[in-house]
């Protein structure tokens, strides 16, 4: 079974993003060659990080784009035009961005390469691509763990709670199990919510796009809040195991189904009561549920 990918939110400033890309580059390429090129105010020719691949020949320039707005085709062309004049001619030019994957921009870059508009191969790497590398490279992932633990603040706790509220504010947790229409949908909802604790993501089952994003439990700093989240995850696991244990028998025996429904209602109520207490302390609305 493959390891679940941990979702990480992008850094909130360009300095941290550039440092992160440099750390990734030091694992990808020859670490002795990886360096930040120039500084603000100097002519950088569209290159923030320079590296040579492990073949000892391929020269790589990287532009880091930490942005709150979507990257545009115009920005790609402007940065690539600057890189033409880089003093040590590049073989590969990469735009690394905190932006989400965009097929339109990928098509633009492929078209540029197909038409040989630049003396180098152009590549765009979105945050999703960088997260894949962070997960793959243990040294970078461990560094990110420490950075997120160290920077986790009270406001982050409230945001994390808000994500948990979104994840549990759904029929699979709020409706009486006795009236559950689809056992398959119920099981999928439990599995998706379990995934949030481990990877930091829940995704829409139809489109595959993220619907909830939060820092995974393993990245939370030690303390009272992390202990609360760990206990909440255990309550969710108890619900899931109880359901899996009884799902084959419940639909076939009505009396048995009622007993299982009552058991699952009790477990879900315990979870939501615990979560609602924490939500109340943070000034967030509680989750209403339709059973006692």
C-alpha atoms as a PDB file:
ATOM      1  CA  UNK A   1       0.000   0.000   0.000  1.00  0.00           C
ATOM      2  CA  UNK A   2       1.444   3.384  -1.016  1.00  0.00           C
ATOM      3  CA  UNK A   3       2.017   6.026   1.634  1.00  0.00           C
ATOM      4  CA  UNK A   4      -0.638   8.739   1.870  1.00  0.00           C
ATOM      5  CA  UNK A   5       0.594  12.111   0.699  1.00  0.00           C
ATOM      6  CA  UNK A   6       0.642  14.842   3.329  1.00  0.00           C
ATOM      7  CA  UNK A   7      -0.802  18.145   2.165  1.00  0.00           C
ATOM      8  CA  UNK A   8       1.150  21.256   3.129  1.00  0.00           C
ATOM      9  CA  UNK A   9      -0.119  24.806   2.665  1.00  0.00           C
ATOM     10  CA  UNK A  10       2.327  27.046   0.755  1.00  0.00           C
ATOM     11  CA  UNK A  11       4.554  29.491   2.650  1.00  0.00           C
ATOM     12  CA  UNK A  12       2.963  32.878   3.279  1.00  0.00           C
ATOM     13  CA  UNK A  13       5.928  34.966   2.083  1.00  0.00           C
ATOM     14  CA  UNK A  14       8.368  34.881  -0.825  1.00  0.00           C
ATOM     15  CA  UNK A  15      11.467  34.471   1.349  1.00  0.00           C
ATOM     16  CA  UNK A  16      10.246  31.208   2.889  1.00  0.00           C
ATOM     17  CA  UNK A  17       9.027  29.961  -0.478  1.00  0.00           C
ATOM     18  CA  UNK A  18      12.399  30.650  -2.097  1.00  0.00           C
ATOM     19  CA  UNK A  19      14.202  28.868   0.752  1.00  0.00           C
ATOM     20  CA  UNK A  20      11.895  25.870   0.359  1.00  0.00           C
ATOM     21  CA  UNK A  21      12.516  25.671  -3.399  1.00  0.00           C
ATOM     22  CA  UNK A  22      16.243  25.889  -2.722  1.00  0.00           C
ATOM     23  CA  UNK A  23      16.003  22.959  -0.253  1.00  0.00           C
ATOM     24  CA  UNK A  24      14.109  20.887  -2.832  1.00  0.00           C
ATOM     25  CA  UNK A  25      16.681  21.778  -5.501  1.00  0.00           C
ATOM     26  CA  UNK A  26      19.525  20.688  -3.230  1.00  0.00           C
ATOM     27  CA  UNK A  27      18.038  17.169  -3.250  1.00  0.00           C
ATOM     28  CA  UNK A  28      17.039  17.088  -6.917  1.00  0.00           C
ATOM     29  CA  UNK A  29      20.283  18.460  -8.357  1.00  0.00           C
ATOM     30  CA  UNK A  30      23.987  18.565  -7.476  1.00  0.00           C
ATOM     31  CA  UNK A  31      23.803  20.139  -3.992  1.00  0.00           C
ATOM     32  CA  UNK A  32      27.242  21.737  -4.346  1.00  0.00           C
ATOM     33  CA  UNK A  33      25.963  23.871  -7.233  1.00  0.00           C
ATOM     34  CA  UNK A  34      22.639  25.042  -5.770  1.00  0.00           C
ATOM     35  CA  UNK A  35      22.698  28.717  -4.836  1.00  0.00           C
ATOM     36  CA  UNK A  36      20.411  31.714  -4.604  1.00  0.00           C
ATOM     37  CA  UNK A  37      21.376  34.053  -7.433  1.00  0.00           C
ATOM     38  CA  UNK A  38      21.858  37.725  -6.562  1.00  0.00           C
ATOM     39  CA  UNK A  39      19.609  39.700  -4.250  1.00  0.00           C
ATOM     40  CA  UNK A  40      16.801  42.203  -4.458  1.00  0.00           C
ATOM     41  CA  UNK A  41      17.914  45.343  -6.288  1.00  0.00           C
ATOM     42  CA  UNK A  42      20.463  43.494  -8.427  1.00  0.00           C
ATOM     43  CA  UNK A  43      20.049  42.306 -12.011  1.00  0.00           C
ATOM     44  CA  UNK A  44      18.931  38.673 -11.673  1.00  0.00           C
ATOM     45  CA  UNK A  45      17.796  37.925 -15.236  1.00  0.00           C
ATOM     46  CA  UNK A  46      14.638  36.232 -13.937  1.00  0.00           C
ATOM     47  CA  UNK A  47      16.639  33.690 -11.896  1.00  0.00           C
ATOM     48  CA  UNK A  48      16.276  33.312  -8.124  1.00  0.00           C
ATOM     49  CA  UNK A  49      18.044  29.941  -7.820  1.00  0.00           C
ATOM     50  CA  UNK A  50      20.751  28.443 -10.011  1.00  0.00           C
ATOM     51  CA  UNK A  51      21.719  24.758 -10.059  1.00  0.00           C
ATOM     52  CA  UNK A  52      23.490  22.168 -12.178  1.00  0.00           C
ATOM     53  CA  UNK A  53      21.885  18.761 -12.643  1.00  0.00           C
ATOM     54  CA  UNK A  54      23.631  15.642 -11.363  1.00  0.00           C
ATOM     55  CA  UNK A  55      24.911  14.966 -14.896  1.00  0.00           C
ATOM     56  CA  UNK A  56      27.329  17.877 -14.341  1.00  0.00           C
ATOM     57  CA  UNK A  57      26.221  19.589 -17.564  1.00  0.00           C
ATOM     58  CA  UNK A  58      22.599  20.720 -17.471  1.00  0.00           C
ATOM     59  CA  UNK A  59      22.331  24.286 -16.122  1.00  0.00           C
ATOM     60  CA  UNK A  60      19.021  25.125 -14.453  1.00  0.00           C
ATOM     61  CA  UNK A  61      17.541  28.492 -13.539  1.00  0.00           C
ATOM     62  CA  UNK A  62      14.522  28.784 -11.242  1.00  0.00           C
ATOM     63  CA  UNK A  63      12.211  31.740 -10.723  1.00  0.00           C
ATOM     64  CA  UNK A  64      10.137  31.546  -7.511  1.00  0.00           C
ATOM     65  CA  UNK A  65       6.645  33.015  -7.684  1.00  0.00           C
ATOM     66  CA  UNK A  66       4.963  33.232  -4.273  1.00  0.00           C
ATOM     67  CA  UNK A  67       1.690  34.835  -5.296  1.00  0.00           C
ATOM     68  CA  UNK A  68      -1.803  35.370  -3.953  1.00  0.00           C
ATOM     69  CA  UNK A  69      -3.118  35.841  -7.497  1.00  0.00           C
ATOM     70  CA  UNK A  70      -3.102  33.257 -10.310  1.00  0.00           C
ATOM     71  CA  UNK A  71       0.006  33.237 -12.467  1.00  0.00           C
ATOM     72  CA  UNK A  72      -0.578  34.661 -15.958  1.00  0.00           C
ATOM     73  CA  UNK A  73       0.750  33.874 -19.430  1.00  0.00           C
ATOM     74  CA  UNK A  74       2.156  37.422 -19.563  1.00  0.00           C
ATOM     75  CA  UNK A  75       4.248  36.827 -16.406  1.00  0.00           C
ATOM     76  CA  UNK A  76       5.603  33.561 -17.817  1.00  0.00           C
ATOM     77  CA  UNK A  77       6.716  35.263 -21.028  1.00  0.00           C
ATOM     78  CA  UNK A  78       8.232  38.232 -19.176  1.00  0.00           C
ATOM     79  CA  UNK A  79      10.317  36.030 -16.867  1.00  0.00           C
ATOM     80  CA  UNK A  80      11.398  33.715 -19.698  1.00  0.00           C
ATOM     81  CA  UNK A  81      12.445  36.759 -21.773  1.00  0.00           C
ATOM     82  CA  UNK A  82      14.666  37.952 -18.902  1.00  0.00           C
ATOM     83  CA  UNK A  83      16.277  34.512 -18.604  1.00  0.00           C
ATOM     84  CA  UNK A  84      17.490  34.684 -22.226  1.00  0.00           C
ATOM     85  CA  UNK A  85      20.214  37.052 -21.010  1.00  0.00           C
ATOM     86  CA  UNK A  86      21.390  34.962 -18.046  1.00  0.00           C
ATOM     87  CA  UNK A  87      25.229  35.147 -18.120  1.00  0.00           C
ATOM     88  CA  UNK A  88      25.697  31.362 -18.018  1.00  0.00           C
ATOM     89  CA  UNK A  89      23.324  30.089 -20.725  1.00  0.00           C
ATOM     90  CA  UNK A  90      20.574  27.914 -19.255  1.00  0.00           C
ATOM     91  CA  UNK A  91      19.396  24.533 -20.523  1.00  0.00           C
ATOM     92  CA  UNK A  92      16.242  24.463 -18.367  1.00  0.00           C
ATOM     93  CA  UNK A  93      14.227  27.363 -16.967  1.00  0.00           C
ATOM     94  CA  UNK A  94      11.631  26.624 -14.256  1.00  0.00           C
ATOM     95  CA  UNK A  95       8.908  28.836 -12.865  1.00  0.00           C
ATOM     96  CA  UNK A  96       8.063  27.492  -9.400  1.00  0.00           C
ATOM     97  CA  UNK A  97       4.797  28.906  -8.077  1.00  0.00           C
ATOM     98  CA  UNK A  98       2.500  28.615  -5.075  1.00  0.00           C
ATOM     99  CA  UNK A  99      -0.398  28.717  -7.534  1.00  0.00           C
ATOM    100  CA  UNK A 100      -2.610  25.654  -8.076  1.00  0.00           C
ATOM    101  CA  UNK A 101      -2.166  23.480 -11.154  1.00  0.00           C
ATOM    102  CA  UNK A 102      -3.586  25.199 -14.241  1.00  0.00           C
ATOM    103  CA  UNK A 103      -4.006  23.201 -17.470  1.00  0.00           C
ATOM    104  CA  UNK A 104      -4.236  26.388 -19.523  1.00  0.00           C
ATOM    105  CA  UNK A 105      -0.800  27.555 -18.398  1.00  0.00           C
ATOM    106  CA  UNK A 106       0.602  24.059 -18.906  1.00  0.00           C
ATOM    107  CA  UNK A 107      -0.631  24.205 -22.509  1.00  0.00           C
ATOM    108  CA  UNK A 108       0.973  27.633 -22.954  1.00  0.00           C
ATOM    109  CA  UNK A 109       4.357  26.329 -21.752  1.00  0.00           C
ATOM    110  CA  UNK A 110       4.151  23.210 -23.927  1.00  0.00           C
ATOM    111  CA  UNK A 111       3.351  25.378 -26.944  1.00  0.00           C
ATOM    112  CA  UNK A 112       6.346  27.618 -26.222  1.00  0.00           C
ATOM    113  CA  UNK A 113       8.613  24.567 -26.047  1.00  0.00           C
ATOM    114  CA  UNK A 114       7.171  23.028 -29.219  1.00  0.00           C
ATOM    115  CA  UNK A 115       7.862  26.256 -31.115  1.00  0.00           C
ATOM    116  CA  UNK A 116      11.393  26.562 -29.666  1.00  0.00           C
ATOM    117  CA  UNK A 117      10.783  30.168 -28.628  1.00  0.00           C
ATOM    118  CA  UNK A 118      13.626  30.085 -26.109  1.00  0.00           C
ATOM    119  CA  UNK A 119      17.161  28.671 -26.047  1.00  0.00           C
ATOM    120  CA  UNK A 120      16.179  26.556 -23.043  1.00  0.00           C
ATOM    121  CA  UNK A 121      13.353  24.195 -22.126  1.00  0.00           C
ATOM    122  CA  UNK A 122      10.693  25.994 -20.137  1.00  0.00           C
ATOM    123  CA  UNK A 123       8.892  24.291 -17.261  1.00  0.00           C
ATOM    124  CA  UNK A 124       6.241  25.389 -14.768  1.00  0.00           C
ATOM    125  CA  UNK A 125       5.932  23.706 -11.371  1.00  0.00           C
ATOM    126  CA  UNK A 126       2.803  24.373  -9.340  1.00  0.00           C
ATOM    127  CA  UNK A 127       2.410  23.962  -5.581  1.00  0.00           C
ATOM    128  CA  UNK A 128       0.928  20.476  -6.099  1.00  0.00           C
ATOM    129  CA  UNK A 129       4.149  19.428  -7.874  1.00  0.00           C
ATOM    130  CA  UNK A 130       6.323  20.838  -5.106  1.00  0.00           C
ATOM    131  CA  UNK A 131       4.245  19.092  -2.425  1.00  0.00           C
ATOM    132  CA  UNK A 132       4.946  15.803  -4.220  1.00  0.00           C
ATOM    133  CA  UNK A 133       8.683  16.470  -3.918  1.00  0.00           C
ATOM    134  CA  UNK A 134       8.385  17.545  -0.279  1.00  0.00           C
ATOM    135  CA  UNK A 135       6.665  14.243   0.505  1.00  0.00           C
ATOM    136  CA  UNK A 136       9.254  12.311  -1.481  1.00  0.00           C
ATOM    137  CA  UNK A 137      12.317  13.927   0.093  1.00  0.00           C
ATOM    138  CA  UNK A 138      12.491  13.076   3.806  1.00  0.00           C
ATOM    139  CA  UNK A 139      14.994  15.820   4.676  1.00  0.00           C
ATOM    140  CA  UNK A 140      12.772  18.534   3.210  1.00  0.00           C
ATOM    141  CA  UNK A 141       9.620  17.074   4.764  1.00  0.00           C
ATOM    142  CA  UNK A 142      11.194  16.916   8.215  1.00  0.00           C
ATOM    143  CA  UNK A 143      12.333  20.520   7.861  1.00  0.00           C
ATOM    144  CA  UNK A 144       8.790  21.559   6.939  1.00  0.00           C
ATOM    145  CA  UNK A 145       7.465  19.728   9.992  1.00  0.00           C
ATOM    146  CA  UNK A 146       9.650  21.804  12.266  1.00  0.00           C
ATOM    147  CA  UNK A 147       8.831  25.062  10.481  1.00  0.00           C
ATOM    148  CA  UNK A 148       5.078  24.497  10.768  1.00  0.00           C
ATOM    149  CA  UNK A 149       5.280  23.358  14.371  1.00  0.00           C
ATOM    150  CA  UNK A 150       7.328  26.401  15.302  1.00  0.00           C
ATOM    151  CA  UNK A 151       5.029  28.868  13.536  1.00  0.00           C
ATOM    152  CA  UNK A 152       1.664  27.416  14.631  1.00  0.00           C
ATOM    153  CA  UNK A 153      -0.272  30.203  16.390  1.00  0.00           C
ATOM    154  CA  UNK A 154      -3.691  30.699  18.018  1.00  0.00           C
ATOM    155  CA  UNK A 155      -5.088  31.986  14.729  1.00  0.00           C
ATOM    156  CA  UNK A 156      -3.909  28.791  13.025  1.00  0.00           C
ATOM    157  CA  UNK A 157      -5.753  26.764  15.677  1.00  0.00           C
ATOM    158  CA  UNK A 158      -8.999  28.583  14.891  1.00  0.00           C
ATOM    159  CA  UNK A 159      -8.496  28.059  11.163  1.00  0.00           C
ATOM    160  CA  UNK A 160      -7.764  24.375  11.729  1.00  0.00           C
ATOM    161  CA  UNK A 161     -10.910  24.053  13.856  1.00  0.00           C
ATOM    162  CA  UNK A 162     -12.877  25.708  11.074  1.00  0.00           C
ATOM    163  CA  UNK A 163     -11.635  23.052   8.644  1.00  0.00           C
ATOM    164  CA  UNK A 164     -12.615  20.289  11.066  1.00  0.00           C
ATOM    165  CA  UNK A 165     -16.054  21.833  11.384  1.00  0.00           C
ATOM    166  CA  UNK A 166     -16.486  21.777   7.594  1.00  0.00           C
ATOM    167  CA  UNK A 167     -15.382  18.140   7.458  1.00  0.00           C
ATOM    168  CA  UNK A 168     -17.855  16.964  10.115  1.00  0.00           C
ATOM    169  CA  UNK A 169     -20.777  19.210   9.160  1.00  0.00           C
ATOM    170  CA  UNK A 170     -22.245  16.624   6.781  1.00  0.00           C
ATOM    171  CA  UNK A 171     -25.087  14.072   6.796  1.00  0.00           C
ATOM    172  CA  UNK A 172     -22.759  11.167   7.558  1.00  0.00           C
ATOM    173  CA  UNK A 173     -22.249  12.637  11.025  1.00  0.00           C
ATOM    174  CA  UNK A 174     -25.441  14.657  11.584  1.00  0.00           C
ATOM    175  CA  UNK A 175     -28.256  12.338  10.424  1.00  0.00           C
ATOM    176  CA  UNK A 176     -29.680   9.400  12.357  1.00  0.00           C
ATOM    177  CA  UNK A 177     -27.932   6.320  10.976  1.00  0.00           C
ATOM    178  CA  UNK A 178     -31.211   4.402  10.973  1.00  0.00           C
ATOM    179  CA  UNK A 179     -32.310   6.589   8.042  1.00  0.00           C
ATOM    180  CA  UNK A 180     -29.031   6.372   6.132  1.00  0.00           C
ATOM    181  CA  UNK A 181     -29.931   5.937   2.452  1.00  0.00           C
ATOM    182  CA  UNK A 182     -26.585   4.719   1.170  1.00  0.00           C
ATOM    183  CA  UNK A 183     -24.140   2.696   3.235  1.00  0.00           C
ATOM    184  CA  UNK A 184     -21.552   3.177   0.484  1.00  0.00           C
ATOM    185  CA  UNK A 185     -21.814   6.979   0.712  1.00  0.00           C
ATOM    186  CA  UNK A 186     -21.577   6.778   4.504  1.00  0.00           C
ATOM    187  CA  UNK A 187     -18.409   4.675   4.312  1.00  0.00           C
ATOM    188  CA  UNK A 188     -16.863   7.032   1.735  1.00  0.00           C
ATOM    189  CA  UNK A 189     -17.600  10.038   3.953  1.00  0.00           C
ATOM    190  CA  UNK A 190     -15.868   8.362   6.903  1.00  0.00           C
ATOM    191  CA  UNK A 191     -12.851   7.441   4.768  1.00  0.00           C
ATOM    192  CA  UNK A 192     -12.551  10.970   3.361  1.00  0.00           C
ATOM    193  CA  UNK A 193     -12.683  12.499   6.833  1.00  0.00           C
ATOM    194  CA  UNK A 194     -10.068  10.032   8.100  1.00  0.00           C
ATOM    195  CA  UNK A 195      -7.858  11.129   5.212  1.00  0.00           C
ATOM    196  CA  UNK A 196      -8.080  14.758   6.337  1.00  0.00           C
ATOM    197  CA  UNK A 197      -6.377  13.924   9.634  1.00  0.00           C
ATOM    198  CA  UNK A 198      -3.539  12.044   7.937  1.00  0.00           C
ATOM    199  CA  UNK A 199      -2.931  14.058   4.743  1.00  0.00           C
ATOM    200  CA  UNK A 200      -4.571  17.416   5.409  1.00  0.00           C
ATOM    201  CA  UNK A 201      -6.933  17.036   2.436  1.00  0.00           C
ATOM    202  CA  UNK A 202     -10.440  15.972   1.591  1.00  0.00           C
ATOM    203  CA  UNK A 203     -11.397  15.861  -2.077  1.00  0.00           C
ATOM    204  CA  UNK A 204     -14.639  16.023  -4.024  1.00  0.00           C
ATOM    205  CA  UNK A 205     -15.502  12.471  -5.099  1.00  0.00           C
ATOM    206  CA  UNK A 206     -16.692  13.631  -8.522  1.00  0.00           C
ATOM    207  CA  UNK A 207     -14.095  16.195  -9.608  1.00  0.00           C
ATOM    208  CA  UNK A 208     -11.132  15.119  -7.459  1.00  0.00           C
ATOM    209  CA  UNK A 209     -10.529  18.737  -6.400  1.00  0.00           C
ATOM    210  CA  UNK A 210      -9.711  19.567  -2.753  1.00  0.00           C
ATOM    211  CA  UNK A 211     -12.721  20.652  -0.673  1.00  0.00           C
ATOM    212  CA  UNK A 212     -11.067  20.989   2.748  1.00  0.00           C
ATOM    213  CA  UNK A 213      -7.412  21.643   3.499  1.00  0.00           C
ATOM    214  CA  UNK A 214      -5.822  21.628   6.943  1.00  0.00           C
ATOM    215  CA  UNK A 215      -2.474  20.913   8.527  1.00  0.00           C
ATOM    216  CA  UNK A 216      -2.214  17.125   9.119  1.00  0.00           C
ATOM    217  CA  UNK A 217      -2.248  15.961  12.721  1.00  0.00           C
ATOM    218  CA  UNK A 218       1.419  14.901  12.592  1.00  0.00           C
ATOM    219  CA  UNK A 219       2.440  18.485  11.769  1.00  0.00           C
ATOM    220  CA  UNK A 220       0.617  20.040  14.704  1.00  0.00           C
ATOM    221  CA  UNK A 221       2.873  21.165  17.565  1.00  0.00           C
ATOM    222  CA  UNK A 222       2.755  19.273  20.835  1.00  0.00           C
ATOM    223  CA  UNK A 223       0.267  20.623  23.338  1.00  0.00           C
ATOM    224  CA  UNK A 224      -3.386  20.698  24.339  1.00  0.00           C
ATOM    225  CA  UNK A 225      -4.753  21.361  20.868  1.00  0.00           C
ATOM    226  CA  UNK A 226      -2.845  18.512  19.246  1.00  0.00           C
ATOM    227  CA  UNK A 227      -4.001  16.180  22.040  1.00  0.00           C
ATOM    228  CA  UNK A 228      -7.593  17.202  21.316  1.00  0.00           C
ATOM    229  CA  UNK A 229      -7.205  16.501  17.580  1.00  0.00           C
ATOM    230  CA  UNK A 230      -5.571  13.118  18.271  1.00  0.00           C
ATOM    231  CA  UNK A 231      -8.514  12.136  20.521  1.00  0.00           C
ATOM    232  CA  UNK A 232     -10.981  13.337  17.883  1.00  0.00           C
ATOM    233  CA  UNK A 233      -9.256  11.190  15.266  1.00  0.00           C
ATOM    234  CA  UNK A 234      -9.485   8.175  17.591  1.00  0.00           C
ATOM    235  CA  UNK A 235     -13.239   8.751  18.025  1.00  0.00           C
ATOM    236  CA  UNK A 236     -13.583   8.850  14.230  1.00  0.00           C
ATOM    237  CA  UNK A 237     -11.608   5.622  13.935  1.00  0.00           C
ATOM    238  CA  UNK A 238     -13.937   3.960  16.489  1.00  0.00           C
ATOM    239  CA  UNK A 239     -16.931   4.951  14.361  1.00  0.00           C
ATOM    240  CA  UNK A 240     -15.288   3.599  11.225  1.00  0.00           C
ATOM    241  CA  UNK A 241     -14.304   0.284  12.812  1.00  0.00           C
ATOM    242  CA  UNK A 242     -17.783  -0.202  14.290  1.00  0.00           C
ATOM    243  CA  UNK A 243     -19.378   0.422  10.915  1.00  0.00           C
ATOM    244  CA  UNK A 244     -16.991  -1.950   9.078  1.00  0.00           C
ATOM    245  CA  UNK A 245     -17.577  -4.651  11.682  1.00  0.00           C
ATOM    246  CA  UNK A 246     -21.366  -4.593  11.244  1.00  0.00           C
ATOM    247  CA  UNK A 247     -21.996  -3.367   7.692  1.00  0.00           C
ATOM    248  CA  UNK A 248     -22.500  -6.825   6.148  1.00  0.00           C
ATOM    249  CA  UNK A 249     -25.123  -7.896   8.711  1.00  0.00           C
ATOM    250  CA  UNK A 250     -27.093  -4.722   9.367  1.00  0.00           C
ATOM    251  CA  UNK A 251     -29.069  -4.463   6.090  1.00  0.00           C
ATOM    252  CA  UNK A 252     -30.234  -8.092   6.346  1.00  0.00           C
ATOM    253  CA  UNK A 253     -31.681  -7.946   9.864  1.00  0.00           C
ATOM    254  CA  UNK A 254     -33.914  -5.035  10.814  1.00  0.00           C
ATOM    255  CA  UNK A 255     -33.596  -5.477  14.586  1.00  0.00           C
ATOM    256  CA  UNK A 256     -29.833  -5.781  14.275  1.00  0.00           C
ATOM    257  CA  UNK A 257     -29.808  -2.685  12.064  1.00  0.00           C
ATOM    258  CA  UNK A 258     -31.575  -0.703  14.789  1.00  0.00           C
ATOM    259  CA  UNK A 259     -29.003  -1.810  17.359  1.00  0.00           C
ATOM    260  CA  UNK A 260     -26.103  -0.833  15.094  1.00  0.00           C
ATOM    261  CA  UNK A 261     -27.754   2.510  14.337  1.00  0.00           C
ATOM    262  CA  UNK A 262     -28.071   3.221  18.051  1.00  0.00           C
ATOM    263  CA  UNK A 263     -24.428   2.283  18.619  1.00  0.00           C
ATOM    264  CA  UNK A 264     -23.194   4.479  15.769  1.00  0.00           C
ATOM    265  CA  UNK A 265     -25.398   7.356  16.915  1.00  0.00           C
ATOM    266  CA  UNK A 266     -23.847   7.193  20.387  1.00  0.00           C
ATOM    267  CA  UNK A 267     -20.299   7.200  18.985  1.00  0.00           C
ATOM    268  CA  UNK A 268     -21.013  10.043  16.570  1.00  0.00           C
ATOM    269  CA  UNK A 269     -22.746  12.049  19.277  1.00  0.00           C
ATOM    270  CA  UNK A 270     -19.688  11.721  21.548  1.00  0.00           C
ATOM    271  CA  UNK A 271     -17.466  12.977  18.747  1.00  0.00           C
ATOM    272  CA  UNK A 272     -19.671  15.958  17.857  1.00  0.00           C
ATOM    273  CA  UNK A 273     -20.209  16.961  21.487  1.00  0.00           C
ATOM    274  CA  UNK A 274     -16.443  16.977  21.997  1.00  0.00           C
ATOM    275  CA  UNK A 275     -15.891  18.981  18.819  1.00  0.00           C
ATOM    276  CA  UNK A 276     -18.705  21.418  19.630  1.00  0.00           C
ATOM    277  CA  UNK A 277     -17.172  22.220  23.022  1.00  0.00           C
ATOM    278  CA  UNK A 278     -13.926  23.189  21.313  1.00  0.00           C
ATOM    279  CA  UNK A 279     -15.755  25.123  18.608  1.00  0.00           C
ATOM    280  CA  UNK A 280     -17.660  27.061  21.289  1.00  0.00           C
ATOM    281  CA  UNK A 281     -14.427  28.058  23.050  1.00  0.00           C
ATOM    282  CA  UNK A 282     -13.094  29.364  19.733  1.00  0.00           C
ATOM    283  CA  UNK A 283     -16.269  31.334  19.042  1.00  0.00           C
ATOM    284  CA  UNK A 284     -17.320  29.083  16.158  1.00  0.00           C
ATOM    285  CA  UNK A 285     -20.851  27.781  15.558  1.00  0.00           C
ATOM    286  CA  UNK A 286     -21.551  24.246  16.811  1.00  0.00           C
ATOM    287  CA  UNK A 287     -22.682  21.420  14.533  1.00  0.00           C
ATOM    288  CA  UNK A 288     -26.342  20.450  14.941  1.00  0.00           C
ATOM    289  CA  UNK A 289     -27.216  16.751  14.665  1.00  0.00           C
ATOM    290  CA  UNK A 290     -30.555  14.948  14.245  1.00  0.00           C
ATOM    291  CA  UNK A 291     -30.414  12.253  16.915  1.00  0.00           C
ATOM    292  CA  UNK A 292     -30.040  11.890  20.677  1.00  0.00           C
END
